[in-house]
Amino acid sequence: MTERALYIAWATLIALSLGSTALAASGLWVHWPVASGVAVLVLAWWKARIILARYLGLDAAPAWRRRFDFGLGCLCVLMLGLYLAPLAM
């Protein structure tokens, strides 16, 4: 990975972290818990994909990246279901 790509990945991770922090600090989750939960999970999924692709080098192995993306997506759907289960009752 080039130094420029490393800085871009780092800056993107910082921006996504600031986004999730701003979402949590805004108190929006009190009024819209489902939308806020989905938003935080999407931000976390995006950060995990960047880490896997850039820092672990999965950009160079597309087949492995698809497998990791599928597993990560399944994990996120499971976590979303666990988050939404108590809200449905």
N, C-alpha and C. Protein backbone atom coordinates (compact mmCIF):
# COMPACT_ATOMS: atom_id res chain seq x y z
N MET A 1 0.85 -1.17 0.00
CA MET A 1 0.00 0.00 0.00
C MET A 1 0.90 1.23 0.00
N THR A 2 0.52 2.20 -0.80
CA THR A 2 1.30 3.43 -0.85
C THR A 2 1.01 4.29 0.38
N GLU A 3 1.89 5.21 0.61
CA GLU A 3 1.72 6.09 1.77
C GLU A 3 0.47 6.96 1.62
N ARG A 4 0.20 7.39 0.40
CA ARG A 4 -1.00 8.20 0.14
C ARG A 4 -2.27 7.41 0.45
N ALA A 5 -2.32 6.17 0.00
CA ALA A 5 -3.49 5.33 0.26
C ALA A 5 -3.67 5.09 1.76
N LEU A 6 -2.56 4.96 2.47
CA LEU A 6 -2.62 4.78 3.92
C LEU A 6 -3.23 6.01 4.59
N TYR A 7 -2.80 7.19 4.16
CA TYR A 7 -3.35 8.42 4.74
C TYR A 7 -4.83 8.60 4.40
N ILE A 8 -5.21 8.22 3.19
CA ILE A 8 -6.62 8.33 2.81
C ILE A 8 -7.47 7.38 3.65
N ALA A 9 -7.00 6.15 3.84
CA ALA A 9 -7.72 5.18 4.67
C ALA A 9 -7.81 5.68 6.10
N TRP A 10 -6.71 6.22 6.62
CA TRP A 10 -6.70 6.72 8.00
C TRP A 10 -7.68 7.89 8.15
N ALA A 11 -7.66 8.83 7.20
CA ALA A 11 -8.56 9.98 7.27
C ALA A 11 -10.02 9.54 7.17
N THR A 12 -10.29 8.55 6.34
CA THR A 12 -11.66 8.04 6.22
C THR A 12 -12.11 7.38 7.51
N LEU A 13 -11.23 6.62 8.15
CA LEU A 13 -11.57 6.00 9.43
C LEU A 13 -11.84 7.06 10.50
N ILE A 14 -11.04 8.12 10.52
CA ILE A 14 -11.27 9.20 11.48
C ILE A 14 -12.61 9.87 11.21
N ALA A 15 -12.91 10.15 9.95
CA ALA A 15 -14.19 10.79 9.60
C ALA A 15 -15.38 9.92 9.99
N LEU A 16 -15.29 8.62 9.75
CA LEU A 16 -16.39 7.72 10.13
C LEU A 16 -16.52 7.63 11.64
N SER A 17 -15.41 7.66 12.36
CA SER A 17 -15.47 7.65 13.82
C SER A 17 -16.11 8.93 14.35
N LEU A 18 -15.75 10.05 13.75
CA LEU A 18 -16.37 11.31 14.15
C LEU A 18 -17.87 11.31 13.84
N GLY A 19 -18.24 10.69 12.73
CA GLY A 19 -19.66 10.60 12.39
C GLY A 19 -20.45 9.79 13.40
N SER A 20 -19.91 8.66 13.81
CA SER A 20 -20.62 7.84 14.80
C SER A 20 -20.63 8.52 16.16
N THR A 21 -19.56 9.23 16.50
CA THR A 21 -19.53 9.98 17.76
C THR A 21 -20.55 11.11 17.74
N ALA A 22 -20.64 11.83 16.64
CA ALA A 22 -21.62 12.90 16.52
C ALA A 22 -23.05 12.37 16.59
N LEU A 23 -23.27 11.22 15.99
CA LEU A 23 -24.60 10.61 16.05
C LEU A 23 -24.96 10.23 17.48
N ALA A 24 -24.01 9.68 18.21
CA ALA A 24 -24.28 9.29 19.59
C ALA A 24 -24.46 10.51 20.49
N ALA A 25 -23.68 11.55 20.26
CA ALA A 25 -23.76 12.75 21.10
C ALA A 25 -24.98 13.60 20.80
N SER A 26 -25.57 13.45 19.63
CA SER A 26 -26.69 14.30 19.23
C SER A 26 -27.98 13.97 19.98
N GLY A 27 -28.06 12.78 20.53
CA GLY A 27 -29.29 12.39 21.20
C GLY A 27 -30.37 11.95 20.23
N LEU A 28 -30.04 11.81 18.98
CA LEU A 28 -30.99 11.39 17.95
C LEU A 28 -31.52 9.99 18.23
N TRP A 29 -30.70 9.16 18.87
CA TRP A 29 -31.09 7.78 19.14
C TRP A 29 -32.27 7.69 20.08
N VAL A 30 -32.54 8.75 20.85
CA VAL A 30 -33.68 8.73 21.77
C VAL A 30 -34.99 8.77 20.98
N HIS A 31 -35.01 9.58 19.93
CA HIS A 31 -36.23 9.76 19.15
C HIS A 31 -36.39 8.72 18.05
N TRP A 32 -35.29 8.32 17.44
CA TRP A 32 -35.31 7.34 16.35
C TRP A 32 -34.29 6.24 16.63
N PRO A 33 -34.60 5.33 17.54
CA PRO A 33 -33.61 4.32 17.91
C PRO A 33 -33.28 3.35 16.77
N VAL A 34 -34.24 3.02 15.95
CA VAL A 34 -33.99 2.08 14.86
C VAL A 34 -33.08 2.71 13.82
N ALA A 35 -33.40 3.91 13.38
CA ALA A 35 -32.58 4.59 12.36
C ALA A 35 -31.17 4.85 12.89
N SER A 36 -31.06 5.23 14.14
CA SER A 36 -29.74 5.48 14.72
C SER A 36 -28.94 4.19 14.84
N GLY A 37 -29.58 3.12 15.25
CA GLY A 37 -28.90 1.84 15.35
C GLY A 37 -28.40 1.35 14.00
N VAL A 38 -29.23 1.51 12.98
CA VAL A 38 -28.83 1.12 11.63
C VAL A 38 -27.67 1.99 11.16
N ALA A 39 -27.73 3.29 11.42
CA ALA A 39 -26.67 4.21 10.99
C ALA A 39 -25.34 3.87 11.66
N VAL A 40 -25.36 3.60 12.95
CA VAL A 40 -24.12 3.25 13.66
C VAL A 40 -23.57 1.93 13.13
N LEU A 41 -24.43 0.99 12.87
CA LEU A 41 -23.96 -0.29 12.33
C LEU A 41 -23.38 -0.15 10.93
N VAL A 42 -23.98 0.67 10.10
CA VAL A 42 -23.46 0.90 8.75
C VAL A 42 -22.09 1.57 8.83
N LEU A 43 -21.94 2.54 9.72
CA LEU A 43 -20.64 3.19 9.88
C LEU A 43 -19.58 2.19 10.36
N ALA A 44 -19.95 1.34 11.29
CA ALA A 44 -19.00 0.32 11.79
C ALA A 44 -18.66 -0.68 10.70
N TRP A 45 -19.64 -1.06 9.89
CA TRP A 45 -19.40 -1.99 8.78
C TRP A 45 -18.44 -1.38 7.76
N TRP A 46 -18.65 -0.10 7.47
CA TRP A 46 -17.80 0.59 6.51
C TRP A 46 -16.36 0.68 7.03
N LYS A 47 -16.22 0.98 8.33
CA LYS A 47 -14.88 1.04 8.92
C LYS A 47 -14.20 -0.33 8.88
N ALA A 48 -14.93 -1.37 9.18
CA ALA A 48 -14.35 -2.72 9.16
C ALA A 48 -13.91 -3.10 7.74
N ARG A 49 -14.69 -2.72 6.74
CA ARG A 49 -14.31 -3.01 5.35
C ARG A 49 -13.04 -2.28 4.96
N ILE A 50 -12.89 -1.04 5.40
CA ILE A 50 -11.66 -0.29 5.10
C ILE A 50 -10.46 -0.95 5.75
N ILE A 51 -10.61 -1.34 7.00
CA ILE A 51 -9.50 -1.99 7.71
C ILE A 51 -9.12 -3.30 7.03
N LEU A 52 -10.12 -4.10 6.69
CA LEU A 52 -9.83 -5.38 6.03
C LEU A 52 -9.20 -5.18 4.65
N ALA A 53 -9.71 -4.23 3.90
CA ALA A 53 -9.23 -4.05 2.53
C ALA A 53 -7.85 -3.39 2.50
N ARG A 54 -7.67 -2.33 3.24
CA ARG A 54 -6.44 -1.55 3.14
C ARG A 54 -5.32 -2.10 4.02
N TYR A 55 -5.62 -2.32 5.30
CA TYR A 55 -4.55 -2.68 6.23
C TYR A 55 -4.21 -4.16 6.19
N LEU A 56 -5.18 -5.02 5.91
CA LEU A 56 -4.89 -6.45 5.82
C LEU A 56 -4.61 -6.89 4.39
N GLY A 57 -4.72 -5.97 3.45
CA GLY A 57 -4.33 -6.26 2.08
C GLY A 57 -5.33 -7.07 1.28
N LEU A 58 -6.59 -7.07 1.65
CA LEU A 58 -7.58 -7.84 0.90
C LEU A 58 -7.92 -7.20 -0.44
N ASP A 59 -7.46 -5.97 -0.68
CA ASP A 59 -7.64 -5.38 -2.01
C ASP A 59 -6.91 -6.18 -3.07
N ALA A 60 -5.83 -6.82 -2.66
CA ALA A 60 -5.03 -7.62 -3.61
C ALA A 60 -5.61 -9.01 -3.82
N ALA A 61 -6.59 -9.41 -3.02
CA ALA A 61 -7.19 -10.74 -3.14
C ALA A 61 -8.72 -10.60 -3.19
N PRO A 62 -9.28 -10.31 -4.36
CA PRO A 62 -10.72 -10.04 -4.47
C PRO A 62 -11.60 -11.19 -3.99
N ALA A 63 -11.19 -12.43 -4.23
CA ALA A 63 -12.03 -13.56 -3.79
C ALA A 63 -12.11 -13.61 -2.27
N TRP A 64 -10.98 -13.41 -1.62
CA TRP A 64 -10.99 -13.40 -0.16
C TRP A 64 -11.76 -12.19 0.37
N ARG A 65 -11.65 -11.07 -0.31
CA ARG A 65 -12.37 -9.88 0.13
C ARG A 65 -13.88 -10.11 0.08
N ARG A 66 -14.36 -10.76 -1.00
CA ARG A 66 -15.79 -11.06 -1.10
C ARG A 66 -16.23 -11.96 0.05
N ARG A 67 -15.41 -12.95 0.38
CA ARG A 67 -15.76 -13.85 1.48
C ARG A 67 -15.81 -13.11 2.81
N PHE A 68 -14.82 -12.27 3.05
CA PHE A 68 -14.83 -11.48 4.29
C PHE A 68 -16.00 -10.50 4.32
N ASP A 69 -16.31 -9.89 3.17
CA ASP A 69 -17.46 -8.98 3.10
C ASP A 69 -18.76 -9.72 3.40
N PHE A 70 -18.90 -10.93 2.89
CA PHE A 70 -20.10 -11.71 3.15
C PHE A 70 -20.20 -12.04 4.65
N GLY A 71 -19.11 -12.51 5.23
CA GLY A 71 -19.11 -12.83 6.66
C GLY A 71 -19.37 -11.61 7.52
N LEU A 72 -18.76 -10.50 7.15
CA LEU A 72 -18.98 -9.26 7.90
C LEU A 72 -20.42 -8.78 7.77
N GLY A 73 -20.98 -8.91 6.57
CA GLY A 73 -22.37 -8.55 6.37
C GLY A 73 -23.31 -9.42 7.19
N CYS A 74 -23.04 -10.72 7.24
CA CYS A 74 -23.86 -11.62 8.07
C CYS A 74 -23.77 -11.24 9.54
N LEU A 75 -22.57 -10.92 10.00
CA LEU A 75 -22.39 -10.52 11.39
C LEU A 75 -23.15 -9.23 11.68
N CYS A 76 -23.11 -8.28 10.77
CA CYS A 76 -23.84 -7.02 10.97
C CYS A 76 -25.34 -7.24 10.99
N VAL A 77 -25.85 -8.10 10.12
CA VAL A 77 -27.29 -8.40 10.12
C VAL A 77 -27.69 -9.08 11.43
N LEU A 78 -26.84 -9.99 11.92
CA LEU A 78 -27.11 -10.64 13.21
C LEU A 78 -27.13 -9.61 14.33
N MET A 79 -26.16 -8.72 14.36
CA MET A 79 -26.13 -7.69 15.41
C MET A 79 -27.32 -6.75 15.31
N LEU A 80 -27.73 -6.42 14.09
CA LEU A 80 -28.91 -5.58 13.92
C LEU A 80 -30.16 -6.29 14.43
N GLY A 81 -30.28 -7.57 14.14
CA GLY A 81 -31.41 -8.34 14.66
C GLY A 81 -31.42 -8.40 16.18
N LEU A 82 -30.26 -8.58 16.78
CA LEU A 82 -30.18 -8.59 18.24
C LEU A 82 -30.51 -7.22 18.83
N TYR A 83 -30.16 -6.16 18.11
CA TYR A 83 -30.48 -4.81 18.57
C TYR A 83 -31.98 -4.54 18.46
N LEU A 84 -32.58 -5.00 17.36
CA LEU A 84 -34.00 -4.70 17.12
C LEU A 84 -34.95 -5.61 17.88
N ALA A 85 -34.50 -6.78 18.31
CA ALA A 85 -35.39 -7.73 18.99
C ALA A 85 -36.08 -7.14 20.21
N PRO A 86 -35.38 -6.49 21.14
CA PRO A 86 -36.10 -5.93 22.30
C PRO A 86 -37.01 -4.76 21.92
N LEU A 87 -36.71 -4.06 20.85
CA LEU A 87 -37.54 -2.93 20.45
C LEU A 87 -38.86 -3.39 19.85
N ALA A 88 -38.91 -4.63 19.36
CA ALA A 88 -40.13 -5.15 18.75
C ALA A 88 -41.14 -5.60 19.80
N MET A 89 -40.69 -5.79 21.01
CA MET A 89 -41.60 -6.28 22.05
C MET A 89 -42.37 -5.17 22.70
